[in-house]
Amino acid sequence: MSHRNGPPKKKDESFHNTPFKDAMKALQKKAPEPPKAKAPPPPPPKKKPAPEEDDASLFYAAMDGVQQLTHRGEAPVPNPRLPEIIDENAEALAQLSELVAGQGVFDLADSDEFIEGASPGTDRNLLRALRRGDFSVQGRLDLHGMTQVEAKEAVERFLTDSRRGGRRCVLVVHGRGLHSKDQLPVLKAQLKTWLSQKRIGQMVLAFATARPQDGGAGAVYVLLRR
């Protein structure tokens, strides 16, 4: 009898052998990632300059091309052709006072130490500026050894020439009278009268006793009209 209807034969186990199975598994696995390149180390921080070095470099940069001054003790030489006004505000005040100052009796004041006067209408601040020496002295007359007549003529001539020469402020040295008969400053009292009256007074805007370095009680500043 035929074994046709007998139990089925087992399939040959070799049929289930897949030679590409292992290869497929290997392909399914992820390829290993390439190693990442290491980033270069950051550069070392720049060293900041010390504050002293930074300040010094700024100083030398600012002073580049500057020349050192020499002869610091020497005063600049003034130009004699250009009368110098020390305080421009005082000069402006003098010009304004000239506009309002009129002819008449001077406003006078005196003591044993000083004399001063101003033409009518002159701003009192002008006298203060004159006392302080805000105007440069542009001429000087010394009356020592002169009689009253000689001194008056010398003052009138000096002020006339100074005004024609464009001078603004001059100094008249009258002395303290220490060598006079009664040791009285005779020329000082006379000068106050001359500067405030008649022809001489017409040339004068104001006058005041000088500062100690210019003669003090023995001299007077005279501010001339233009």
Protein backbone atom coordinates (compact mmCIF):
# COMPACT_ATOMS: atom_id res chain seq x y z
CA MET A 1 0.00 0.00 0.00
CA SER A 2 1.18 3.37 -0.93
CA HIS A 3 2.22 5.86 1.74
CA ARG A 4 0.48 8.61 -0.20
CA ASN A 5 -1.92 9.23 2.62
CA GLY A 6 0.64 8.84 5.31
CA PRO A 7 1.84 11.72 7.51
CA PRO A 8 3.50 14.60 5.67
CA LYS A 9 7.13 14.64 5.52
CA LYS A 10 8.91 17.34 7.41
CA LYS A 11 10.33 20.01 5.28
CA ASP A 12 13.93 19.95 4.97
CA GLU A 13 15.31 22.17 7.66
CA SER A 14 17.91 23.38 5.24
CA PHE A 15 15.19 25.21 3.34
CA HIS A 16 14.81 27.70 6.19
CA ASN A 17 18.47 28.64 6.09
CA THR A 18 18.69 32.28 4.80
CA PRO A 19 22.24 33.21 4.11
CA PHE A 20 21.40 36.94 3.80
CA LYS A 21 19.59 37.12 7.11
CA ASP A 22 22.64 38.05 9.06
CA ALA A 23 23.68 40.58 6.41
CA MET A 24 20.27 42.25 6.54
CA LYS A 25 20.49 42.56 10.29
CA ALA A 26 23.87 44.13 9.97
CA LEU A 27 22.54 46.69 7.46
CA GLN A 28 19.62 47.50 9.70
CA LYS A 29 21.97 48.50 12.46
CA LYS A 30 22.91 52.18 12.48
CA ALA A 31 26.25 52.98 11.22
CA PRO A 32 28.39 54.32 14.00
CA GLU A 33 28.51 58.13 13.98
CA PRO A 34 31.83 59.58 13.05
CA PRO A 35 33.64 61.03 16.01
CA LYS A 36 32.94 64.72 16.44
CA ALA A 37 35.82 67.02 15.88
CA LYS A 38 36.90 68.73 19.02
CA ALA A 39 36.27 72.49 19.05
CA PRO A 40 39.45 74.56 19.26
CA PRO A 41 40.06 75.90 22.72
CA PRO A 42 38.93 79.54 23.19
CA PRO A 43 41.72 82.11 22.90
CA PRO A 44 43.08 83.29 26.20
CA PRO A 45 41.46 86.57 27.33
CA LYS A 46 43.43 89.67 26.49
CA LYS A 47 45.12 91.19 29.42
CA LYS A 48 43.62 94.57 30.16
CA PRO A 49 46.15 97.33 30.62
CA ALA A 50 46.58 98.54 34.10
CA PRO A 51 44.75 101.82 34.82
CA GLU A 52 48.08 103.56 35.27
CA GLU A 53 49.29 102.41 31.85
CA ASP A 54 45.99 103.37 30.21
CA ASP A 55 46.02 106.87 31.76
CA ALA A 56 49.63 107.35 30.80
CA SER A 57 49.00 106.42 27.18
CA LEU A 58 46.06 108.84 27.00
CA PHE A 59 48.18 111.61 28.53
CA TYR A 60 51.07 111.14 26.11
CA ALA A 61 48.65 110.98 23.18
CA ALA A 62 47.05 114.27 24.25
CA MET A 63 50.41 115.97 24.77
CA ASP A 64 51.81 114.86 21.42
CA GLY A 65 53.42 117.87 19.71
CA VAL A 66 53.25 120.17 22.76
CA GLN A 67 56.47 122.01 23.48
CA GLN A 68 57.68 122.70 26.96
CA LEU A 69 57.60 126.31 28.10
CA THR A 70 60.86 127.89 29.12
CA HIS A 71 61.75 131.15 30.85
CA ARG A 72 58.60 131.00 32.94
CA GLY A 73 59.74 133.80 35.16
CA GLU A 74 59.95 136.34 32.35
CA ALA A 75 56.98 138.59 31.69
CA PRO A 76 55.93 139.20 28.09
CA VAL A 77 57.29 142.39 26.61
CA PRO A 78 54.41 144.83 25.95
CA ASN A 79 54.14 146.60 22.65
CA PRO A 80 54.58 150.33 23.40
CA ARG A 81 52.53 151.24 20.31
CA LEU A 82 49.46 149.46 21.64
CA PRO A 83 48.29 150.86 24.98
CA GLU A 84 47.13 147.91 27.05
CA ILE A 85 43.88 147.97 28.99
CA ILE A 86 44.04 145.35 31.72
CA ASP A 87 40.31 145.12 32.32
CA GLU A 88 38.08 145.49 29.25
CA ASN A 89 35.01 145.86 31.48
CA ALA A 90 36.59 148.86 33.16
CA GLU A 91 37.29 150.45 29.78
CA ALA A 92 33.67 149.89 28.69
CA LEU A 93 32.52 151.48 31.94
CA ALA A 94 34.78 154.47 31.28
CA GLN A 95 33.30 154.94 27.82
CA LEU A 96 29.76 154.85 29.19
CA SER A 97 30.72 157.33 31.90
CA GLU A 98 32.08 159.69 29.26
CA LEU A 99 28.69 159.71 27.53
CA VAL A 100 26.89 160.92 30.64
CA ALA A 101 29.63 162.90 32.39
CA GLY A 102 29.14 166.62 32.07
CA GLN A 103 30.94 169.80 33.02
CA GLY A 104 30.58 171.08 36.52
CA VAL A 105 31.79 170.48 40.03
CA PHE A 106 33.75 167.27 40.52
CA ASP A 107 32.63 164.81 43.15
CA LEU A 108 35.65 164.88 45.48
CA ALA A 109 36.77 162.90 48.51
CA ASP A 110 40.00 162.96 50.48
CA SER A 111 41.72 162.09 53.73
CA ASP A 112 45.26 162.01 55.04
CA GLU A 113 45.90 158.89 52.98
CA PHE A 114 44.01 159.37 49.71
CA ILE A 115 42.43 161.77 47.28
CA GLU A 116 39.93 160.98 44.55
CA GLY A 117 37.41 162.67 42.32
CA ALA A 118 35.10 162.07 39.38
CA SER A 119 33.38 164.33 36.88
CA PRO A 120 29.60 164.79 37.29
CA GLY A 121 27.60 161.75 36.18
CA THR A 122 30.51 159.30 36.36
CA ASP A 123 29.61 155.83 37.55
CA ARG A 124 30.96 155.14 41.03
CA ASN A 125 32.07 151.70 39.86
CA LEU A 126 34.57 153.47 37.64
CA LEU A 127 36.33 154.94 40.66
CA ARG A 128 36.50 151.49 42.25
CA ALA A 129 38.09 150.09 39.08
CA LEU A 130 40.58 152.95 39.04
CA ARG A 131 41.52 152.37 42.70
CA ARG A 132 42.02 148.65 42.05
CA GLY A 133 44.44 149.40 39.23
CA ASP A 134 42.26 147.84 36.53
CA PHE A 135 43.74 150.29 34.02
CA SER A 136 47.36 149.95 33.01
CA VAL A 137 49.58 152.97 33.62
CA GLN A 138 50.65 154.32 30.23
CA GLY A 139 52.59 157.40 31.35
CA ARG A 140 54.27 158.81 34.46
CA LEU A 141 55.09 162.29 35.73
CA ASP A 142 57.19 162.93 38.84
CA LEU A 143 56.69 166.32 40.51
CA HIS A 144 59.43 165.96 43.11
CA GLY A 145 61.59 169.10 43.44
CA MET A 146 59.15 171.38 41.59
CA THR A 147 57.51 174.50 42.88
CA GLN A 148 53.73 174.80 42.73
CA VAL A 149 53.91 176.91 39.59
CA GLU A 150 56.30 174.53 37.88
CA ALA A 151 54.24 171.53 38.96
CA LYS A 152 50.97 172.95 37.60
CA GLU A 153 52.54 173.74 34.23
CA ALA A 154 54.12 170.29 34.11
CA VAL A 155 50.81 168.57 34.92
CA GLU A 156 48.88 170.49 32.27
CA ARG A 157 51.53 169.84 29.63
CA PHE A 158 51.84 166.17 30.57
CA LEU A 159 48.09 165.50 30.48
CA THR A 160 47.70 167.36 27.18
CA ASP A 161 50.48 165.35 25.54
CA SER A 162 49.16 162.09 27.02
CA ARG A 163 45.67 162.72 25.70
CA ARG A 164 46.97 163.56 22.24
CA GLY A 165 49.03 160.37 22.33
CA GLY A 166 45.93 158.26 22.97
CA ARG A 167 46.86 157.36 26.54
CA ARG A 168 44.00 156.46 28.84
CA CYS A 169 45.46 156.20 32.35
CA VAL A 170 48.57 157.98 33.64
CA LEU A 171 50.32 158.31 36.98
CA VAL A 172 51.28 161.59 38.63
CA VAL A 173 53.72 161.31 41.54
CA HIS A 174 53.22 164.23 43.92
CA GLY A 175 55.12 162.87 46.93
CA ARG A 176 54.21 162.72 50.60
CA GLY A 177 55.65 166.09 51.55
CA LEU A 178 58.19 164.55 53.92
CA HIS A 179 60.86 167.02 52.86
CA SER A 180 58.64 170.12 52.77
CA LYS A 181 58.82 172.93 55.34
CA ASP A 182 56.05 171.60 57.59
CA GLN A 183 56.20 168.06 56.19
CA LEU A 184 52.83 168.60 54.56
CA PRO A 185 51.98 167.23 51.09
CA VAL A 186 51.38 170.66 49.54
CA LEU A 187 51.42 169.39 45.96
CA LYS A 188 48.94 166.66 46.87
CA ALA A 189 46.30 169.19 47.91
CA GLN A 190 47.04 171.40 44.91
CA LEU A 191 46.88 168.47 42.51
CA LYS A 192 43.37 167.60 43.67
CA THR A 193 42.30 171.15 42.79
CA TRP A 194 44.09 171.23 39.44
CA LEU A 195 42.62 167.92 38.29
CA SER A 196 39.06 169.00 39.03
CA GLN A 197 38.96 172.58 37.76
CA LYS A 198 39.37 174.72 34.63
CA ARG A 199 41.47 173.59 31.67
CA ILE A 200 43.08 170.60 33.37
CA GLY A 201 39.77 169.36 34.74
CA GLN A 202 38.26 169.32 31.23
CA MET A 203 40.70 166.58 30.25
CA VAL A 204 40.04 164.39 33.31
CA LEU A 205 37.29 161.82 33.78
CA ALA A 206 38.38 160.62 37.24
CA PHE A 207 41.40 160.33 39.52
CA ALA A 208 42.28 158.26 42.60
CA THR A 209 45.22 157.56 44.89
CA ALA A 210 47.45 154.83 43.52
CA ARG A 211 48.04 151.36 44.89
CA PRO A 212 51.12 150.83 47.10
CA GLN A 213 53.15 149.29 44.27
CA ASP A 214 52.58 152.41 42.18
CA GLY A 215 53.39 154.96 44.90
CA GLY A 216 50.47 154.64 47.30
CA ALA A 217 49.60 157.88 49.09
CA GLY A 218 52.37 159.70 47.21
CA ALA A 219 50.86 159.24 43.71
CA VAL A 220 47.56 159.40 41.90
CA TYR A 221 46.04 157.64 38.90
CA VAL A 222 44.48 160.01 36.38
CA LEU A 223 41.89 158.64 33.92
CA LEU A 224 41.73 160.88 30.87
CA ARG A 225 38.82 161.60 28.58
CA ARG A 226 39.21 160.45 25.00
